[in-house]
Amino acid sequence: MDGTWRYAVTLPGPPGGHGPPQVLIVHATGELTAAGAAVFADGAGTFRVVIEGGAARPLAAPPGPGRHMCLHIVPLP
């Protein structure tokens, strides 16, 4: 991990729905994956990701068809 403890993660709207993206704030949980990657989660702890190569990768498959597995992130202070 690069020392950033919070990220804004952009979730695209549903395919073909022309809806706006949703932005979630995730923070470091102190947990690590089996591979040693830091786990980040939203406030409720239901949306969990690892940060790899400048993108967020959800730990659980996102619901619905066509959902993205590589999500845009912005580090937060």
PDB file of N, CA and C in Angstrom:
ATOM      1  N   MET A   1       0.860  -1.177   0.000  1.00  0.00           N
ATOM      2  CA  MET A   1       0.000   0.000   0.000  1.00  0.00           C
ATOM      3  C   MET A   1       0.894   1.223   0.000  1.00  0.00           C
ATOM      4  N   ASP A   2       0.442   2.302  -0.642  1.00  0.00           N
ATOM      5  CA  ASP A   2       1.262   3.500  -0.805  1.00  0.00           C
ATOM      6  C   ASP A   2       1.104   4.513   0.325  1.00  0.00           C
ATOM      7  N   GLY A   3       0.398   4.176   1.391  1.00  0.00           N
ATOM      8  CA  GLY A   3       0.205   5.088   2.503  1.00  0.00           C
ATOM      9  C   GLY A   3      -1.111   5.846   2.458  1.00  0.00           C
ATOM     10  N   THR A   4      -1.865   5.694   1.402  1.00  0.00           N
ATOM     11  CA  THR A   4      -3.179   6.327   1.320  1.00  0.00           C
ATOM     12  C   THR A   4      -4.174   5.467   2.085  1.00  0.00           C
ATOM     13  N   TRP A   5      -4.981   6.098   2.938  1.00  0.00           N
ATOM     14  CA  TRP A   5      -5.911   5.363   3.786  1.00  0.00           C
ATOM     15  C   TRP A   5      -7.353   5.459   3.322  1.00  0.00           C
ATOM     16  N   ARG A   6      -7.647   6.422   2.411  1.00  0.00           N
ATOM     17  CA  ARG A   6      -9.019   6.579   1.913  1.00  0.00           C
ATOM     18  C   ARG A   6      -8.979   6.832   0.411  1.00  0.00           C
ATOM     19  N   TYR A   7      -9.981   6.314  -0.278  1.00  0.00           N
ATOM     20  CA  TYR A   7     -10.129   6.522  -1.718  1.00  0.00           C
ATOM     21  C   TYR A   7     -11.592   6.787  -2.047  1.00  0.00           C
ATOM     22  N   ALA A   8     -11.815   7.556  -3.097  1.00  0.00           N
ATOM     23  CA  ALA A   8     -13.128   7.674  -3.710  1.00  0.00           C
ATOM     24  C   ALA A   8     -13.144   6.686  -4.871  1.00  0.00           C
ATOM     25  N   VAL A   9     -14.102   5.781  -4.874  1.00  0.00           N
ATOM     26  CA  VAL A   9     -14.229   4.756  -5.917  1.00  0.00           C
ATOM     27  C   VAL A   9     -15.463   5.074  -6.740  1.00  0.00           C
ATOM     28  N   THR A  10     -15.295   5.152  -8.060  1.00  0.00           N
ATOM     29  CA  THR A  10     -16.415   5.455  -8.949  1.00  0.00           C
ATOM     30  C   THR A  10     -17.021   4.162  -9.477  1.00  0.00           C
ATOM     31  N   LEU A  11     -18.317   3.987  -9.216  1.00  0.00           N
ATOM     32  CA  LEU A  11     -19.060   2.848  -9.736  1.00  0.00           C
ATOM     33  C   LEU A  11     -19.912   3.334 -10.897  1.00  0.00           C
ATOM     34  N   PRO A  12     -19.689   2.817 -12.107  1.00  0.00           N
ATOM     35  CA  PRO A  12     -20.495   3.263 -13.244  1.00  0.00           C
ATOM     36  C   PRO A  12     -21.965   2.909 -13.069  1.00  0.00           C
ATOM     37  N   GLY A  13     -22.817   3.679 -13.719  1.00  0.00           N
ATOM     38  CA  GLY A  13     -24.252   3.372 -13.713  1.00  0.00           C
ATOM     39  C   GLY A  13     -24.514   2.090 -14.470  1.00  0.00           C
ATOM     40  N   PRO A  14     -25.741   1.582 -14.426  1.00  0.00           N
ATOM     41  CA  PRO A  14     -26.075   0.345 -15.128  1.00  0.00           C
ATOM     42  C   PRO A  14     -25.886   0.491 -16.632  1.00  0.00           C
ATOM     43  N   PRO A  15     -25.376  -0.558 -17.287  1.00  0.00           N
ATOM     44  CA  PRO A  15     -25.174  -0.496 -18.734  1.00  0.00           C
ATOM     45  C   PRO A  15     -26.473  -0.142 -19.454  1.00  0.00           C
ATOM     46  N   GLY A  16     -26.409   0.824 -20.363  1.00  0.00           N
ATOM     47  CA  GLY A  16     -27.572   1.237 -21.142  1.00  0.00           C
ATOM     48  C   GLY A  16     -28.577   2.061 -20.368  1.00  0.00           C
ATOM     49  N   GLY A  17     -28.320   2.292 -19.089  1.00  0.00           N
ATOM     50  CA  GLY A  17     -29.272   3.023 -18.263  1.00  0.00           C
ATOM     51  C   GLY A  17     -29.066   4.519 -18.270  1.00  0.00           C
ATOM     52  N   HIS A  18     -27.928   4.969 -18.746  1.00  0.00           N
ATOM     53  CA  HIS A  18     -27.599   6.392 -18.820  1.00  0.00           C
ATOM     54  C   HIS A  18     -27.709   7.082 -17.472  1.00  0.00           C
ATOM     55  N   GLY A  19     -27.591   6.314 -16.410  1.00  0.00           N
ATOM     56  CA  GLY A  19     -27.633   6.894 -15.075  1.00  0.00           C
ATOM     57  C   GLY A  19     -26.265   7.412 -14.681  1.00  0.00           C
ATOM     58  N   PRO A  20     -26.228   8.333 -13.741  1.00  0.00           N
ATOM     59  CA  PRO A  20     -24.952   8.874 -13.296  1.00  0.00           C
ATOM     60  C   PRO A  20     -24.167   7.826 -12.508  1.00  0.00           C
ATOM     61  N   PRO A  21     -22.846   7.964 -12.493  1.00  0.00           N
ATOM     62  CA  PRO A  21     -22.067   7.037 -11.678  1.00  0.00           C
ATOM     63  C   PRO A  21     -22.306   7.310 -10.197  1.00  0.00           C
ATOM     64  N   GLN A  22     -21.980   6.326  -9.393  1.00  0.00           N
ATOM     65  CA  GLN A  22     -22.076   6.456  -7.941  1.00  0.00           C
ATOM     66  C   GLN A  22     -20.645   6.498  -7.403  1.00  0.00           C
ATOM     67  N   VAL A  23     -20.376   7.356  -6.445  1.00  0.00           N
ATOM     68  CA  VAL A  23     -19.049   7.442  -5.840  1.00  0.00           C
ATOM     69  C   VAL A  23     -19.154   6.999  -4.390  1.00  0.00           C
ATOM     70  N   LEU A  24     -18.314   6.034  -4.036  1.00  0.00           N
ATOM     71  CA  LEU A  24     -18.251   5.542  -2.664  1.00  0.00           C
ATOM     72  C   LEU A  24     -16.889   5.880  -2.077  1.00  0.00           C
ATOM     73  N   ILE A  25     -16.863   6.210  -0.805  1.00  0.00           N
ATOM     74  CA  ILE A  25     -15.605   6.428  -0.102  1.00  0.00           C
ATOM     75  C   ILE A  25     -15.267   5.132   0.624  1.00  0.00           C
ATOM     76  N   VAL A  26     -14.051   4.629   0.385  1.00  0.00           N
ATOM     77  CA  VAL A  26     -13.591   3.432   1.078  1.00  0.00           C
ATOM     78  C   VAL A  26     -12.380   3.801   1.924  1.00  0.00           C
ATOM     79  N   HIS A  27     -12.200   3.079   2.997  1.00  0.00           N
ATOM     80  CA  HIS A  27     -11.079   3.324   3.900  1.00  0.00           C
ATOM     81  C   HIS A  27     -10.386   1.994   4.207  1.00  0.00           C
ATOM     82  N   ALA A  28      -9.118   2.086   4.616  1.00  0.00           N
ATOM     83  CA  ALA A  28      -8.359   0.894   4.981  1.00  0.00           C
ATOM     84  C   ALA A  28      -8.996   0.242   6.197  1.00  0.00           C
ATOM     85  N   THR A  29      -9.133  -1.079   6.150  1.00  0.00           N
ATOM     86  CA  THR A  29      -9.759  -1.806   7.253  1.00  0.00           C
ATOM     87  C   THR A  29      -8.735  -2.397   8.216  1.00  0.00           C
ATOM     88  N   GLY A  30      -7.493  -2.463   7.797  1.00  0.00           N
ATOM     89  CA  GLY A  30      -6.476  -3.139   8.597  1.00  0.00           C
ATOM     90  C   GLY A  30      -6.377  -4.613   8.271  1.00  0.00           C
ATOM     91  N   GLU A  31      -7.281  -5.107   7.434  1.00  0.00           N
ATOM     92  CA  GLU A  31      -7.264  -6.512   7.014  1.00  0.00           C
ATOM     93  C   GLU A  31      -6.385  -6.662   5.775  1.00  0.00           C
ATOM     94  N   LEU A  32      -5.891  -7.875   5.568  1.00  0.00           N
ATOM     95  CA  LEU A  32      -5.130  -8.210   4.368  1.00  0.00           C
ATOM     96  C   LEU A  32      -5.759  -9.425   3.696  1.00  0.00           C
ATOM     97  N   THR A  33      -5.645  -9.477   2.357  1.00  0.00           N
ATOM     98  CA  THR A  33      -6.089 -10.669   1.634  1.00  0.00           C
ATOM     99  C   THR A  33      -5.058 -11.767   1.845  1.00  0.00           C
ATOM    100  N   ALA A  34      -5.354 -12.965   1.381  1.00  0.00           N
ATOM    101  CA  ALA A  34      -4.401 -14.072   1.478  1.00  0.00           C
ATOM    102  C   ALA A  34      -3.101 -13.745   0.744  1.00  0.00           C
ATOM    103  N   ALA A  35      -3.194 -12.899  -0.288  1.00  0.00           N
ATOM    104  CA  ALA A  35      -2.012 -12.500  -1.054  1.00  0.00           C
ATOM    105  C   ALA A  35      -1.277 -11.325  -0.414  1.00  0.00           C
ATOM    106  N   GLY A  36      -1.811 -10.804   0.696  1.00  0.00           N
ATOM    107  CA  GLY A  36      -1.151  -9.712   1.406  1.00  0.00           C
ATOM    108  C   GLY A  36      -1.559  -8.315   0.989  1.00  0.00           C
ATOM    109  N   ALA A  37      -2.605  -8.187   0.172  1.00  0.00           N
ATOM    110  CA  ALA A  37      -3.083  -6.866  -0.263  1.00  0.00           C
ATOM    111  C   ALA A  37      -3.992  -6.272   0.805  1.00  0.00           C
ATOM    112  N   ALA A  38      -3.885  -4.958   1.006  1.00  0.00           N
ATOM    113  CA  ALA A  38      -4.736  -4.265   1.979  1.00  0.00           C
ATOM    114  C   ALA A  38      -6.180  -4.244   1.499  1.00  0.00           C
ATOM    115  N   VAL A  39      -7.105  -4.475   2.419  1.00  0.00           N
ATOM    116  CA  VAL A  39      -8.536  -4.456   2.120  1.00  0.00           C
ATOM    117  C   VAL A  39      -9.098  -3.099   2.517  1.00  0.00           C
ATOM    118  N   PHE A  40      -9.900  -2.517   1.619  1.00  0.00           N
ATOM    119  CA  PHE A  40     -10.587  -1.250   1.855  1.00  0.00           C
ATOM    120  C   PHE A  40     -12.082  -1.527   1.809  1.00  0.00           C
ATOM    121  N   ALA A  41     -12.865  -0.776   2.609  1.00  0.00           N
ATOM    122  CA  ALA A  41     -14.314  -0.997   2.645  1.00  0.00           C
ATOM    123  C   ALA A  41     -15.037   0.328   2.818  1.00  0.00           C
ATOM    124  N   ASP A  42     -16.317   0.341   2.382  1.00  0.00           N
ATOM    125  CA  ASP A  42     -17.150   1.527   2.611  1.00  0.00           C
ATOM    126  C   ASP A  42     -17.548   1.567   4.084  1.00  0.00           C
ATOM    127  N   GLY A  43     -18.258   2.596   4.479  1.00  0.00           N
ATOM    128  CA  GLY A  43     -18.644   2.776   5.873  1.00  0.00           C
ATOM    129  C   GLY A  43     -19.447   1.625   6.444  1.00  0.00           C
ATOM    130  N   ALA A  44     -20.296   1.001   5.618  1.00  0.00           N
ATOM    131  CA  ALA A  44     -21.108  -0.124   6.074  1.00  0.00           C
ATOM    132  C   ALA A  44     -20.330  -1.434   6.082  1.00  0.00           C
ATOM    133  N   GLY A  45     -19.190  -1.449   5.398  1.00  0.00           N
ATOM    134  CA  GLY A  45     -18.385  -2.661   5.315  1.00  0.00           C
ATOM    135  C   GLY A  45     -18.876  -3.666   4.299  1.00  0.00           C
ATOM    136  N   THR A  46     -19.857  -3.280   3.471  1.00  0.00           N
ATOM    137  CA  THR A  46     -20.427  -4.217   2.496  1.00  0.00           C
ATOM    138  C   THR A  46     -19.720  -4.177   1.151  1.00  0.00           C
ATOM    139  N   PHE A  47     -19.142  -3.044   0.783  1.00  0.00           N
ATOM    140  CA  PHE A  47     -18.404  -2.920  -0.471  1.00  0.00           C
ATOM    141  C   PHE A  47     -16.929  -2.974  -0.124  1.00  0.00           C
ATOM    142  N   ARG A  48     -16.268  -4.074  -0.496  1.00  0.00           N
ATOM    143  CA  ARG A  48     -14.869  -4.295  -0.127  1.00  0.00           C
ATOM    144  C   ARG A  48     -14.030  -4.442  -1.379  1.00  0.00           C
ATOM    145  N   VAL A  49     -12.875  -3.767  -1.399  1.00  0.00           N
ATOM    146  CA  VAL A  49     -11.998  -3.767  -2.565  1.00  0.00           C
ATOM    147  C   VAL A  49     -10.545  -3.876  -2.129  1.00  0.00           C
ATOM    148  N   VAL A  50      -9.696  -4.229  -3.090  1.00  0.00           N
ATOM    149  CA  VAL A  50      -8.256  -4.056  -2.956  1.00  0.00           C
ATOM    150  C   VAL A  50      -7.840  -3.054  -4.021  1.00  0.00           C
ATOM    151  N   ILE A  51      -6.793  -2.303  -3.740  1.00  0.00           N
ATOM    152  CA  ILE A  51      -6.283  -1.307  -4.676  1.00  0.00           C
ATOM    153  C   ILE A  51      -5.067  -1.905  -5.367  1.00  0.00           C
ATOM    154  N   GLU A  52      -5.138  -2.010  -6.693  1.00  0.00           N
ATOM    155  CA  GLU A  52      -4.056  -2.602  -7.475  1.00  0.00           C
ATOM    156  C   GLU A  52      -3.813  -1.780  -8.725  1.00  0.00           C
ATOM    157  N   GLY A  53      -2.600  -1.326  -8.918  1.00  0.00           N
ATOM    158  CA  GLY A  53      -2.243  -0.625 -10.144  1.00  0.00           C
ATOM    159  C   GLY A  53      -3.080   0.613 -10.409  1.00  0.00           C
ATOM    160  N   GLY A  54      -3.451   1.341  -9.393  1.00  0.00           N
ATOM    161  CA  GLY A  54      -4.221   2.564  -9.580  1.00  0.00           C
ATOM    162  C   GLY A  54      -5.701   2.365  -9.825  1.00  0.00           C
ATOM    163  N   ALA A  55      -6.198   1.165  -9.517  1.00  0.00           N
ATOM    164  CA  ALA A  55      -7.629   0.881  -9.682  1.00  0.00           C
ATOM    165  C   ALA A  55      -8.103   0.039  -8.508  1.00  0.00           C
ATOM    166  N   ALA A  56      -9.415   0.050  -8.271  1.00  0.00           N
ATOM    167  CA  ALA A  56     -10.008  -0.783  -7.223  1.00  0.00           C
ATOM    168  C   ALA A  56     -10.568  -2.042  -7.857  1.00  0.00           C
ATOM    169  N   ARG A  57     -10.307  -3.173  -7.208  1.00  0.00           N
ATOM    170  CA  ARG A  57     -10.867  -4.448  -7.656  1.00  0.00           C
ATOM    171  C   ARG A  57     -11.756  -4.988  -6.540  1.00  0.00           C
ATOM    172  N   PRO A  58     -13.070  -5.116  -6.806  1.00  0.00           N
ATOM    173  CA  PRO A  58     -13.978  -5.639  -5.778  1.00  0.00           C
ATOM    174  C   PRO A  58     -13.600  -7.056  -5.353  1.00  0.00           C
ATOM    175  N   LEU A  59     -13.728  -7.345  -4.072  1.00  0.00           N
ATOM    176  CA  LEU A  59     -13.436  -8.687  -3.575  1.00  0.00           C
ATOM    177  C   LEU A  59     -14.583  -9.646  -3.840  1.00  0.00           C
ATOM    178  N   ALA A  60     -15.808  -9.139  -3.972  1.00  0.00           N
ATOM    179  CA  ALA A  60     -16.965  -9.958  -4.331  1.00  0.00           C
ATOM    180  C   ALA A  60     -17.420  -9.517  -5.719  1.00  0.00           C
ATOM    181  N   ALA A  61     -17.934 -10.449  -6.490  1.00  0.00           N
ATOM    182  CA  ALA A  61     -18.410 -10.115  -7.826  1.00  0.00           C
ATOM    183  C   ALA A  61     -19.549  -9.105  -7.720  1.00  0.00           C
ATOM    184  N   PRO A  62     -19.458  -7.999  -8.454  1.00  0.00           N
ATOM    185  CA  PRO A  62     -20.546  -7.025  -8.402  1.00  0.00           C
ATOM    186  C   PRO A  62     -21.824  -7.615  -8.986  1.00  0.00           C
ATOM    187  N   PRO A  63     -22.965  -7.230  -8.454  1.00  0.00           N
ATOM    188  CA  PRO A  63     -24.232  -7.787  -8.948  1.00  0.00           C
ATOM    189  C   PRO A  63     -24.585  -7.264 -10.337  1.00  0.00           C
ATOM    190  N   GLY A  64     -25.292  -8.077 -11.072  1.00  0.00           N
ATOM    191  CA  GLY A  64     -25.804  -7.663 -12.375  1.00  0.00           C
ATOM    192  C   GLY A  64     -24.834  -7.896 -13.506  1.00  0.00           C
ATOM    193  N   PRO A  65     -25.352  -8.002 -14.711  1.00  0.00           N
ATOM    194  CA  PRO A  65     -24.516  -8.229 -15.884  1.00  0.00           C
ATOM    195  C   PRO A  65     -23.757  -6.958 -16.266  1.00  0.00           C
ATOM    196  N   GLY A  66     -22.574  -7.154 -16.798  1.00  0.00           N
ATOM    197  CA  GLY A  66     -21.807  -6.029 -17.317  1.00  0.00           C
ATOM    198  C   GLY A  66     -21.204  -5.119 -16.269  1.00  0.00           C
ATOM    199  N   ARG A  67     -21.166  -5.544 -15.030  1.00  0.00           N
ATOM    200  CA  ARG A  67     -20.580  -4.707 -13.991  1.00  0.00           C
ATOM    201  C   ARG A  67     -19.060  -4.767 -14.098  1.00  0.00           C
ATOM    202  N   HIS A  68     -18.416  -3.667 -13.818  1.00  0.00           N
ATOM    203  CA  HIS A  68     -16.974  -3.558 -13.990  1.00  0.00           C
ATOM    204  C   HIS A  68     -16.214  -4.164 -12.815  1.00  0.00           C
ATOM    205  N   MET A  69     -15.093  -4.774 -13.120  1.00  0.00           N
ATOM    206  CA  MET A  69     -14.249  -5.358 -12.086  1.00  0.00           C
ATOM    207  C   MET A  69     -13.006  -4.500 -11.823  1.00  0.00           C
ATOM    208  N   CYS A  70     -12.806  -3.452 -12.600  1.00  0.00           N
ATOM    209  CA  CYS A  70     -11.665  -2.557 -12.435  1.00  0.00           C
ATOM    210  C   CYS A  70     -12.253  -1.140 -12.352  1.00  0.00           C
ATOM    211  N   LEU A  71     -12.195  -0.534 -11.177  1.00  0.00           N
ATOM    212  CA  LEU A  71     -12.909   0.714 -10.932  1.00  0.00           C
ATOM    213  C   LEU A  71     -11.950   1.878 -10.707  1.00  0.00           C
ATOM    214  N   HIS A  72     -12.304   3.037 -11.224  1.00  0.00           N
ATOM    215  CA  HIS A  72     -11.505   4.255 -11.084  1.00  0.00           C
ATOM    216  C   HIS A  72     -11.456   4.685  -9.625  1.00  0.00           C
ATOM    217  N   ILE A  73     -10.263   5.111  -9.183  1.00  0.00           N
ATOM    218  CA  ILE A  73     -10.108   5.584  -7.817  1.00  0.00           C
ATOM    219  C   ILE A  73      -9.429   6.951  -7.799  1.00  0.00           C
ATOM    220  N   VAL A  74      -9.680   7.687  -6.725  1.00  0.00           N
ATOM    221  CA  VAL A  74      -9.003   8.960  -6.466  1.00  0.00           C
ATOM    222  C   VAL A  74      -8.569   8.914  -5.003  1.00  0.00           C
ATOM    223  N   PRO A  75      -7.251   9.059  -4.731  1.00  0.00           N
ATOM    224  CA  PRO A  75      -6.816   9.092  -3.336  1.00  0.00           C
ATOM    225  C   PRO A  75      -7.369  10.310  -2.632  1.00  0.00           C
ATOM    226  N   LEU A  76      -7.718  10.158  -1.364  1.00  0.00           N
ATOM    227  CA  LEU A  76      -8.240  11.249  -0.551  1.00  0.00           C
ATOM    228  C   LEU A  76      -7.289  11.547   0.612  1.00  0.00           C
ATOM    229  N   PRO A  77      -7.273  12.791   1.043  1.00  0.00           N
ATOM    230  CA  PRO A  77      -6.395  13.123   2.193  1.00  0.00           C
ATOM    231  C   PRO A  77      -6.906  12.493   3.477  1.00  0.00           C
TER     232      PRO A  77
END
